[in-house]
Amino acid sequence: MEVDFPGLSKKDIRINVQDNVLTIEGEREKKVKKESNGYLRSERSFGKFQS
């Protein structure tokens, strides 16, 4: 099995096999700060996933 999680590192992902069931879960958090023309824009997005 091959799984891609762009932008995540191995420490952000947990893999578990129990009773022949594979579970992949993790959490993504993204922070962006941009300053221009005297304004500061800050965005945060986050979320958990499980498959």
N, C-alpha and C. Protein backbone atom coordinates (compact mmCIF):
# COMPACT_ATOMS: atom_id res chain seq x y z
N MET A 1 0.84 -1.16 0.00
CA MET A 1 0.00 0.00 0.00
C MET A 1 0.89 1.22 0.00
N GLU A 2 0.48 2.22 -0.76
CA GLU A 2 1.20 3.48 -0.82
C GLU A 2 0.21 4.61 -0.60
N VAL A 3 0.58 5.52 0.30
CA VAL A 3 -0.30 6.64 0.65
C VAL A 3 0.50 7.93 0.62
N ASP A 4 -0.06 8.98 0.03
CA ASP A 4 0.59 10.29 -0.02
C ASP A 4 -0.17 11.26 0.87
N PHE A 5 0.59 11.99 1.68
CA PHE A 5 0.04 13.05 2.51
C PHE A 5 0.90 14.28 2.32
N PRO A 6 0.66 15.05 1.27
CA PRO A 6 1.50 16.23 0.99
C PRO A 6 1.48 17.22 2.16
N GLY A 7 2.65 17.70 2.49
CA GLY A 7 2.76 18.72 3.54
C GLY A 7 2.81 18.17 4.95
N LEU A 8 2.71 16.84 5.11
CA LEU A 8 2.78 16.25 6.44
C LEU A 8 4.07 15.46 6.59
N SER A 9 4.56 15.42 7.81
CA SER A 9 5.75 14.61 8.09
C SER A 9 5.31 13.31 8.76
N LYS A 10 6.22 12.39 8.91
CA LYS A 10 5.91 11.10 9.54
C LYS A 10 5.37 11.27 10.95
N LYS A 11 5.84 12.30 11.66
CA LYS A 11 5.38 12.49 13.04
C LYS A 11 3.92 12.95 13.11
N ASP A 12 3.36 13.43 11.99
CA ASP A 12 1.98 13.90 11.96
C ASP A 12 0.98 12.78 11.66
N ILE A 13 1.49 11.57 11.37
CA ILE A 13 0.64 10.46 10.93
C ILE A 13 0.80 9.27 11.88
N ARG A 14 -0.32 8.63 12.22
CA ARG A 14 -0.30 7.44 13.05
C ARG A 14 -0.91 6.28 12.25
N ILE A 15 -0.23 5.15 12.26
CA ILE A 15 -0.69 3.97 11.54
C ILE A 15 -0.89 2.86 12.56
N ASN A 16 -2.05 2.19 12.49
CA ASN A 16 -2.37 1.15 13.45
C ASN A 16 -3.04 -0.02 12.71
N VAL A 17 -2.70 -1.24 13.12
CA VAL A 17 -3.38 -2.43 12.61
C VAL A 17 -3.89 -3.20 13.82
N GLN A 18 -5.22 -3.40 13.84
CA GLN A 18 -5.83 -4.13 14.94
C GLN A 18 -6.94 -4.99 14.38
N ASP A 19 -6.94 -6.27 14.69
CA ASP A 19 -7.93 -7.22 14.19
C ASP A 19 -8.02 -7.18 12.67
N ASN A 20 -6.86 -7.14 12.01
CA ASN A 20 -6.76 -7.11 10.54
C ASN A 20 -7.40 -5.87 9.91
N VAL A 21 -7.51 -4.79 10.67
CA VAL A 21 -8.04 -3.52 10.16
C VAL A 21 -6.93 -2.47 10.23
N LEU A 22 -6.61 -1.88 9.08
CA LEU A 22 -5.60 -0.83 8.99
C LEU A 22 -6.26 0.52 9.18
N THR A 23 -5.73 1.31 10.11
CA THR A 23 -6.24 2.66 10.36
C THR A 23 -5.08 3.64 10.21
N ILE A 24 -5.32 4.68 9.42
CA ILE A 24 -4.36 5.76 9.24
C ILE A 24 -5.03 7.03 9.71
N GLU A 25 -4.39 7.73 10.64
CA GLU A 25 -4.98 8.97 11.13
C GLU A 25 -3.89 10.01 11.36
N GLY A 26 -4.31 11.23 11.38
CA GLY A 26 -3.36 12.30 11.59
C GLY A 26 -4.07 13.64 11.74
N GLU A 27 -3.24 14.66 11.79
CA GLU A 27 -3.77 16.01 11.94
C GLU A 27 -2.91 16.96 11.13
N ARG A 28 -3.58 17.83 10.40
CA ARG A 28 -2.90 18.80 9.56
C ARG A 28 -3.15 20.19 10.12
N GLU A 29 -2.08 20.97 10.20
CA GLU A 29 -2.20 22.36 10.64
C GLU A 29 -1.32 23.21 9.74
N LYS A 30 -1.89 24.26 9.22
CA LYS A 30 -1.17 25.14 8.31
C LYS A 30 -1.36 26.58 8.78
N LYS A 31 -0.25 27.31 8.86
CA LYS A 31 -0.29 28.72 9.26
C LYS A 31 0.41 29.53 8.18
N VAL A 32 -0.24 30.61 7.75
CA VAL A 32 0.34 31.49 6.74
C VAL A 32 0.21 32.93 7.24
N LYS A 33 1.32 33.64 7.26
CA LYS A 33 1.31 35.07 7.59
C LYS A 33 1.94 35.82 6.44
N LYS A 34 1.26 36.86 5.99
CA LYS A 34 1.76 37.66 4.89
C LYS A 34 1.54 39.13 5.21
N GLU A 35 2.60 39.92 5.07
CA GLU A 35 2.51 41.34 5.36
C GLU A 35 2.86 42.13 4.10
N SER A 36 1.98 43.07 3.75
CA SER A 36 2.26 43.94 2.61
C SER A 36 1.43 45.22 2.74
N ASN A 37 2.00 46.31 2.31
CA ASN A 37 1.34 47.62 2.32
C ASN A 37 0.77 47.98 3.69
N GLY A 38 1.46 47.60 4.75
CA GLY A 38 1.00 47.95 6.10
C GLY A 38 -0.09 47.04 6.65
N TYR A 39 -0.47 45.98 5.93
CA TYR A 39 -1.49 45.05 6.38
C TYR A 39 -0.85 43.70 6.69
N LEU A 40 -1.37 43.04 7.69
CA LEU A 40 -0.92 41.70 8.04
C LEU A 40 -2.08 40.74 7.83
N ARG A 41 -1.87 39.74 6.99
CA ARG A 41 -2.90 38.73 6.75
C ARG A 41 -2.40 37.43 7.37
N SER A 42 -3.21 36.84 8.22
CA SER A 42 -2.86 35.60 8.89
C SER A 42 -3.97 34.58 8.66
N GLU A 43 -3.60 33.40 8.15
CA GLU A 43 -4.57 32.34 7.90
C GLU A 43 -4.13 31.09 8.65
N ARG A 44 -5.08 30.41 9.21
CA ARG A 44 -4.82 29.13 9.88
C ARG A 44 -5.87 28.13 9.41
N SER A 45 -5.42 26.97 9.04
CA SER A 45 -6.35 25.89 8.72
C SER A 45 -5.86 24.63 9.41
N PHE A 46 -6.78 23.84 9.86
CA PHE A 46 -6.39 22.62 10.55
C PHE A 46 -7.53 21.62 10.45
N GLY A 47 -7.20 20.39 10.69
CA GLY A 47 -8.22 19.36 10.69
C GLY A 47 -7.64 17.98 10.92
N LYS A 48 -8.45 17.11 11.49
CA LYS A 48 -8.06 15.74 11.73
C LYS A 48 -8.64 14.87 10.61
N PHE A 49 -7.96 13.77 10.35
CA PHE A 49 -8.49 12.82 9.38
C PHE A 49 -8.23 11.41 9.88
N GLN A 50 -9.08 10.50 9.41
CA GLN A 50 -8.93 9.08 9.75
C GLN A 50 -9.47 8.28 8.60
N SER A 51 -8.73 7.27 8.22
CA SER A 51 -9.13 6.46 7.09
C SER A 51 -8.90 5.01 7.39
